[in-house]
């Protein structure tokens, strides 16, 4: 059995793109031949609803409560998951801390606006407390704009690790999830 890699997608800011990033990462892993799953820890259940609409069998999406997180992670491992994404609620609280502690890496989605950039410091601190590597994933970056580069430079200057890939603002992200797909399935090119 392969070792399972676990990614926590955490941000205290709502609307940062946690669920979008979570389902896209898990789907990319599944399309790449890995057994992938998502545990939706957000009481809103957005990832679980997406999974309900999805026709494809993978990735598996499970709605769960934070109090049962260890049990859910163990069940994913026992069922052969190789890549597990933990989609969290918009909080930087004890649940988010526990999620980060149980993950191999923390991804912090963030839009390149002043309000969003200011709000991620708490999540970066949470990852430090959890002693896990954390990367800011710049999300919904307007195409043909320097704002993503500027945000990445500013974050790096503050000591944050920024993921080398930025996600552009594309209609495919919104359209694809309507029927349980992802942008890479909806618009493969």
C-alpha atoms as a PDB file:
ATOM      1  CA  UNK A   1       0.000   0.000   0.000  1.00  0.00           C
ATOM      2  CA  UNK A   2       1.304   3.435  -0.943  1.00  0.00           C
ATOM      3  CA  UNK A   3       1.709   6.081   1.722  1.00  0.00           C
ATOM      4  CA  UNK A   4      -1.156   8.549   1.794  1.00  0.00           C
ATOM      5  CA  UNK A   5      -0.367  12.244   1.314  1.00  0.00           C
ATOM      6  CA  UNK A   6      -2.708  14.619   3.124  1.00  0.00           C
ATOM      7  CA  UNK A   7      -3.246  18.252   2.181  1.00  0.00           C
ATOM      8  CA  UNK A   8      -5.156  20.665   4.442  1.00  0.00           C
ATOM      9  CA  UNK A   9      -6.749  23.594   2.631  1.00  0.00           C
ATOM     10  CA  UNK A  10      -7.150  26.259   5.301  1.00  0.00           C
ATOM     11  CA  UNK A  11      -8.014  29.945   5.383  1.00  0.00           C
ATOM     12  CA  UNK A  12      -9.878  31.978   7.941  1.00  0.00           C
ATOM     13  CA  UNK A  13     -11.270  34.121   5.119  1.00  0.00           C
ATOM     14  CA  UNK A  14     -14.489  33.057   3.459  1.00  0.00           C
ATOM     15  CA  UNK A  15     -14.575  33.210  -0.329  1.00  0.00           C
ATOM     16  CA  UNK A  16     -10.852  32.551  -0.708  1.00  0.00           C
ATOM     17  CA  UNK A  17     -11.462  29.456  -2.833  1.00  0.00           C
ATOM     18  CA  UNK A  18     -10.858  26.625  -0.348  1.00  0.00           C
ATOM     19  CA  UNK A  19     -13.469  24.272  -1.759  1.00  0.00           C
ATOM     20  CA  UNK A  20     -12.652  25.088  -5.374  1.00  0.00           C
ATOM     21  CA  UNK A  21      -8.979  24.353  -4.727  1.00  0.00           C
ATOM     22  CA  UNK A  22      -9.830  21.198  -2.752  1.00  0.00           C
ATOM     23  CA  UNK A  23     -12.028  19.552  -5.388  1.00  0.00           C
ATOM     24  CA  UNK A  24      -9.705  20.561  -8.229  1.00  0.00           C
ATOM     25  CA  UNK A  25      -6.624  19.125  -6.496  1.00  0.00           C
ATOM     26  CA  UNK A  26      -8.367  15.854  -5.656  1.00  0.00           C
ATOM     27  CA  UNK A  27      -9.798  15.534  -9.163  1.00  0.00           C
ATOM     28  CA  UNK A  28      -6.406  16.235 -10.761  1.00  0.00           C
ATOM     29  CA  UNK A  29      -4.906  13.503  -8.566  1.00  0.00           C
ATOM     30  CA  UNK A  30      -7.692  11.082  -9.522  1.00  0.00           C
ATOM     31  CA  UNK A  31      -7.272  11.868 -13.222  1.00  0.00           C
ATOM     32  CA  UNK A  32      -3.557  11.249 -12.741  1.00  0.00           C
ATOM     33  CA  UNK A  33      -4.275   7.704 -11.598  1.00  0.00           C
ATOM     34  CA  UNK A  34      -4.160   8.204  -7.833  1.00  0.00           C
ATOM     35  CA  UNK A  35      -6.866   7.115  -5.419  1.00  0.00           C
ATOM     36  CA  UNK A  36      -8.020  10.507  -4.171  1.00  0.00           C
ATOM     37  CA  UNK A  37     -10.580  11.665  -1.643  1.00  0.00           C
ATOM     38  CA  UNK A  38     -11.885  14.849  -0.054  1.00  0.00           C
ATOM     39  CA  UNK A  39     -13.101  15.203   3.513  1.00  0.00           C
ATOM     40  CA  UNK A  40     -15.459  18.178   3.696  1.00  0.00           C
ATOM     41  CA  UNK A  41     -15.201  19.633   7.213  1.00  0.00           C
ATOM     42  CA  UNK A  42     -17.150  22.804   6.423  1.00  0.00           C
ATOM     43  CA  UNK A  43     -20.679  22.738   7.927  1.00  0.00           C
ATOM     44  CA  UNK A  44     -21.902  24.370   4.689  1.00  0.00           C
ATOM     45  CA  UNK A  45     -21.020  21.103   2.924  1.00  0.00           C
ATOM     46  CA  UNK A  46     -20.133  22.678  -0.423  1.00  0.00           C
ATOM     47  CA  UNK A  47     -17.602  20.021  -1.434  1.00  0.00           C
ATOM     48  CA  UNK A  48     -20.010  17.248  -0.410  1.00  0.00           C
ATOM     49  CA  UNK A  49     -22.790  18.841  -2.492  1.00  0.00           C
ATOM     50  CA  UNK A  50     -20.387  19.033  -5.444  1.00  0.00           C
ATOM     51  CA  UNK A  51     -19.608  15.345  -4.937  1.00  0.00           C
ATOM     52  CA  UNK A  52     -23.334  14.534  -4.910  1.00  0.00           C
ATOM     53  CA  UNK A  53     -23.690  16.166  -8.348  1.00  0.00           C
ATOM     54  CA  UNK A  54     -20.605  14.453  -9.743  1.00  0.00           C
ATOM     55  CA  UNK A  55     -21.119  11.621 -12.225  1.00  0.00           C
ATOM     56  CA  UNK A  56     -17.511  10.367 -12.118  1.00  0.00           C
ATOM     57  CA  UNK A  57     -16.698   7.991  -9.288  1.00  0.00           C
ATOM     58  CA  UNK A  58     -13.499   9.722  -8.241  1.00  0.00           C
ATOM     59  CA  UNK A  59     -12.574  11.491  -6.154  1.00  0.00           C
ATOM     60  CA  UNK A  60     -14.591  10.198  -3.233  1.00  0.00           C
ATOM     61  CA  UNK A  61     -16.090  13.067  -1.203  1.00  0.00           C
ATOM     62  CA  UNK A  62     -17.099  12.525   2.416  1.00  0.00           C
ATOM     63  CA  UNK A  63     -18.802  15.029   4.677  1.00  0.00           C
ATOM     64  CA  UNK A  64     -17.391  14.891   8.161  1.00  0.00           C
ATOM     65  CA  UNK A  65     -17.279  16.512  11.530  1.00  0.00           C
ATOM     66  CA  UNK A  66     -14.044  17.841  12.920  1.00  0.00           C
ATOM     67  CA  UNK A  67     -14.457  15.731  16.069  1.00  0.00           C
ATOM     68  CA  UNK A  68     -14.214  12.591  13.884  1.00  0.00           C
ATOM     69  CA  UNK A  69     -11.312  13.773  11.714  1.00  0.00           C
ATOM     70  CA  UNK A  70      -8.776  11.193  12.914  1.00  0.00           C
ATOM     71  CA  UNK A  71     -11.275   8.380  12.325  1.00  0.00           C
ATOM     72  CA  UNK A  72     -12.086   9.703   8.845  1.00  0.00           C
ATOM     73  CA  UNK A  73      -8.408   9.975   7.908  1.00  0.00           C
ATOM     74  CA  UNK A  74      -7.784   6.421   9.119  1.00  0.00           C
ATOM     75  CA  UNK A  75     -10.788   5.198   7.090  1.00  0.00           C
ATOM     76  CA  UNK A  76      -9.459   6.919   3.970  1.00  0.00           C
ATOM     77  CA  UNK A  77      -6.072   5.262   4.479  1.00  0.00           C
ATOM     78  CA  UNK A  78      -7.670   1.841   5.099  1.00  0.00           C
ATOM     79  CA  UNK A  79      -9.746   2.228   1.932  1.00  0.00           C
ATOM     80  CA  UNK A  80      -6.617   2.800  -0.139  1.00  0.00           C
ATOM     81  CA  UNK A  81      -6.596   6.580  -0.551  1.00  0.00           C
ATOM     82  CA  UNK A  82      -3.244   7.851  -1.774  1.00  0.00           C
ATOM     83  CA  UNK A  83      -4.108  11.552  -1.831  1.00  0.00           C
ATOM     84  CA  UNK A  84      -6.445  13.116   0.719  1.00  0.00           C
ATOM     85  CA  UNK A  85      -7.628  16.724   0.749  1.00  0.00           C
ATOM     86  CA  UNK A  86      -9.111  18.222   3.918  1.00  0.00           C
ATOM     87  CA  UNK A  87     -11.477  21.071   3.010  1.00  0.00           C
ATOM     88  CA  UNK A  88     -12.024  23.292   6.050  1.00  0.00           C
ATOM     89  CA  UNK A  89     -14.508  25.918   7.188  1.00  0.00           C
ATOM     90  CA  UNK A  90     -13.516  29.603   7.016  1.00  0.00           C
ATOM     91  CA  UNK A  91     -11.938  29.728  10.467  1.00  0.00           C
ATOM     92  CA  UNK A  92      -8.503  29.741  12.034  1.00  0.00           C
ATOM     93  CA  UNK A  93      -9.609  27.928  15.173  1.00  0.00           C
ATOM     94  CA  UNK A  94      -8.849  24.710  17.045  1.00  0.00           C
ATOM     95  CA  UNK A  95     -10.420  22.639  14.255  1.00  0.00           C
ATOM     96  CA  UNK A  96      -8.226  24.294  11.632  1.00  0.00           C
ATOM     97  CA  UNK A  97      -5.181  23.778  13.858  1.00  0.00           C
ATOM     98  CA  UNK A  98      -5.978  20.080  14.335  1.00  0.00           C
ATOM     99  CA  UNK A  99      -6.531  19.705  10.589  1.00  0.00           C
ATOM    100  CA  UNK A 100      -3.156  21.306   9.873  1.00  0.00           C
ATOM    101  CA  UNK A 101      -1.456  19.061  12.445  1.00  0.00           C
ATOM    102  CA  UNK A 102      -2.835  15.926  10.771  1.00  0.00           C
ATOM    103  CA  UNK A 103      -1.798  17.013   7.254  1.00  0.00           C
ATOM    104  CA  UNK A 104       1.519  16.757   5.456  1.00  0.00           C
ATOM    105  CA  UNK A 105       1.207  20.260   4.024  1.00  0.00           C
ATOM    106  CA  UNK A 106      -1.102  23.262   4.399  1.00  0.00           C
ATOM    107  CA  UNK A 107      -2.339  25.218   1.384  1.00  0.00           C
ATOM    108  CA  UNK A 108      -3.756  28.680   2.008  1.00  0.00           C
ATOM    109  CA  UNK A 109      -5.820  29.960  -0.917  1.00  0.00           C
ATOM    110  CA  UNK A 110      -5.837  33.730  -1.163  1.00  0.00           C
ATOM    111  CA  UNK A 111      -7.116  36.279  -3.618  1.00  0.00           C
ATOM    112  CA  UNK A 112      -4.744  39.103  -4.509  1.00  0.00           C
ATOM    113  CA  UNK A 113      -6.675  41.848  -2.758  1.00  0.00           C
ATOM    114  CA  UNK A 114      -5.495  43.848   0.218  1.00  0.00           C
ATOM    115  CA  UNK A 115      -8.286  42.525   2.462  1.00  0.00           C
ATOM    116  CA  UNK A 116      -7.492  38.908   1.605  1.00  0.00           C
ATOM    117  CA  UNK A 117      -3.726  39.340   1.864  1.00  0.00           C
ATOM    118  CA  UNK A 118      -4.067  40.972   5.293  1.00  0.00           C
ATOM    119  CA  UNK A 119      -6.337  38.158   6.516  1.00  0.00           C
ATOM    120  CA  UNK A 120      -3.934  35.261   5.862  1.00  0.00           C
ATOM    121  CA  UNK A 121      -1.415  36.067   8.591  1.00  0.00           C
ATOM    122  CA  UNK A 122      -3.482  34.204  11.188  1.00  0.00           C
ATOM    123  CA  UNK A 123      -3.574  31.116   8.976  1.00  0.00           C
ATOM    124  CA  UNK A 124       0.190  31.314   8.353  1.00  0.00           C
ATOM    125  CA  UNK A 125       0.713  31.487  12.125  1.00  0.00           C
ATOM    126  CA  UNK A 126      -1.596  28.500  12.592  1.00  0.00           C
ATOM    127  CA  UNK A 127       0.549  26.451  10.164  1.00  0.00           C
ATOM    128  CA  UNK A 128       3.673  27.477  12.100  1.00  0.00           C
ATOM    129  CA  UNK A 129       2.094  26.336  15.366  1.00  0.00           C
ATOM    130  CA  UNK A 130       1.184  23.030  13.673  1.00  0.00           C
ATOM    131  CA  UNK A 131       4.818  22.753  12.493  1.00  0.00           C
ATOM    132  CA  UNK A 132       3.724  22.038   8.925  1.00  0.00           C
ATOM    133  CA  UNK A 133       4.966  23.525   5.674  1.00  0.00           C
ATOM    134  CA  UNK A 134       2.475  26.042   4.315  1.00  0.00           C
ATOM    135  CA  UNK A 135       2.127  27.610   0.897  1.00  0.00           C
ATOM    136  CA  UNK A 136      -0.085  30.500  -0.145  1.00  0.00           C
ATOM    137  CA  UNK A 137      -1.925  29.672  -3.368  1.00  0.00           C
ATOM    138  CA  UNK A 138      -2.856  32.875  -5.156  1.00  0.00           C
ATOM    139  CA  UNK A 139      -6.334  32.368  -6.538  1.00  0.00           C
ATOM    140  CA  UNK A 140      -8.671  34.129  -9.003  1.00  0.00           C
ATOM    141  CA  UNK A 141      -5.857  36.228 -10.441  1.00  0.00           C
ATOM    142  CA  UNK A 142      -7.058  38.407 -13.331  1.00  0.00           C
ATOM    143  CA  UNK A 143      -5.423  37.294 -16.595  1.00  0.00           C
ATOM    144  CA  UNK A 144      -2.942  39.687 -18.174  1.00  0.00           C
ATOM    145  CA  UNK A 145      -2.469  41.532 -14.911  1.00  0.00           C
ATOM    146  CA  UNK A 146       0.586  42.069 -12.763  1.00  0.00           C
ATOM    147  CA  UNK A 147      -1.416  41.848  -9.542  1.00  0.00           C
ATOM    148  CA  UNK A 148      -0.538  38.182  -8.980  1.00  0.00           C
ATOM    149  CA  UNK A 149       3.179  38.846  -9.325  1.00  0.00           C
ATOM    150  CA  UNK A 150       2.908  41.866  -7.013  1.00  0.00           C
ATOM    151  CA  UNK A 151       1.008  39.859  -4.398  1.00  0.00           C
ATOM    152  CA  UNK A 152       3.543  37.014  -4.583  1.00  0.00           C
ATOM    153  CA  UNK A 153       6.444  39.439  -4.162  1.00  0.00           C
ATOM    154  CA  UNK A 154       4.765  41.101  -1.182  1.00  0.00           C
ATOM    155  CA  UNK A 155       4.010  37.788   0.498  1.00  0.00           C
ATOM    156  CA  UNK A 156       7.542  36.515  -0.100  1.00  0.00           C
ATOM    157  CA  UNK A 157       8.965  39.731   1.360  1.00  0.00           C
ATOM    158  CA  UNK A 158       6.939  39.010   4.518  1.00  0.00           C
ATOM    159  CA  UNK A 159       8.426  35.506   4.731  1.00  0.00           C
ATOM    160  CA  UNK A 160       5.498  33.527   3.342  1.00  0.00           C
ATOM    161  CA  UNK A 161       6.101  30.645   0.960  1.00  0.00           C
ATOM    162  CA  UNK A 162       4.080  31.193  -2.204  1.00  0.00           C
ATOM    163  CA  UNK A 163       3.080  28.287  -4.435  1.00  0.00           C
ATOM    164  CA  UNK A 164       4.786  28.518  -7.826  1.00  0.00           C
ATOM    165  CA  UNK A 165       1.448  28.222  -9.656  1.00  0.00           C
ATOM    166  CA  UNK A 166      -1.284  30.860  -9.538  1.00  0.00           C
ATOM    167  CA  UNK A 167      -4.884  30.146 -10.466  1.00  0.00           C
ATOM    168  CA  UNK A 168      -6.388  32.582 -12.943  1.00  0.00           C
ATOM    169  CA  UNK A 169      -9.888  33.990 -12.787  1.00  0.00           C
ATOM    170  CA  UNK A 170     -11.673  31.825 -15.366  1.00  0.00           C
ATOM    171  CA  UNK A 171     -15.353  31.245 -16.046  1.00  0.00           C
ATOM    172  CA  UNK A 172     -14.595  27.512 -16.316  1.00  0.00           C
ATOM    173  CA  UNK A 173     -14.113  27.335 -12.528  1.00  0.00           C
ATOM    174  CA  UNK A 174     -17.687  28.557 -11.966  1.00  0.00           C
ATOM    175  CA  UNK A 175     -19.352  26.712 -14.858  1.00  0.00           C
ATOM    176  CA  UNK A 176     -17.743  23.333 -14.264  1.00  0.00           C
ATOM    177  CA  UNK A 177     -18.874  22.809 -10.683  1.00  0.00           C
ATOM    178  CA  UNK A 178     -22.555  23.181 -11.611  1.00  0.00           C
ATOM    179  CA  UNK A 179     -22.689  19.521 -12.605  1.00  0.00           C
ATOM    180  CA  UNK A 180     -19.905  18.186 -10.400  1.00  0.00           C
ATOM    181  CA  UNK A 181     -16.959  18.638 -12.722  1.00  0.00           C
ATOM    182  CA  UNK A 182     -13.811  20.713 -12.497  1.00  0.00           C
ATOM    183  CA  UNK A 183     -12.358  23.298 -14.852  1.00  0.00           C
ATOM    184  CA  UNK A 184      -9.831  20.789 -16.144  1.00  0.00           C
ATOM    185  CA  UNK A 185     -12.677  18.466 -17.148  1.00  0.00           C
ATOM    186  CA  UNK A 186     -14.961  21.217 -18.448  1.00  0.00           C
ATOM    187  CA  UNK A 187     -12.272  22.998 -20.452  1.00  0.00           C
ATOM    188  CA  UNK A 188      -9.324  20.571 -20.799  1.00  0.00           C
ATOM    189  CA  UNK A 189      -7.157  22.961 -22.795  1.00  0.00           C
END
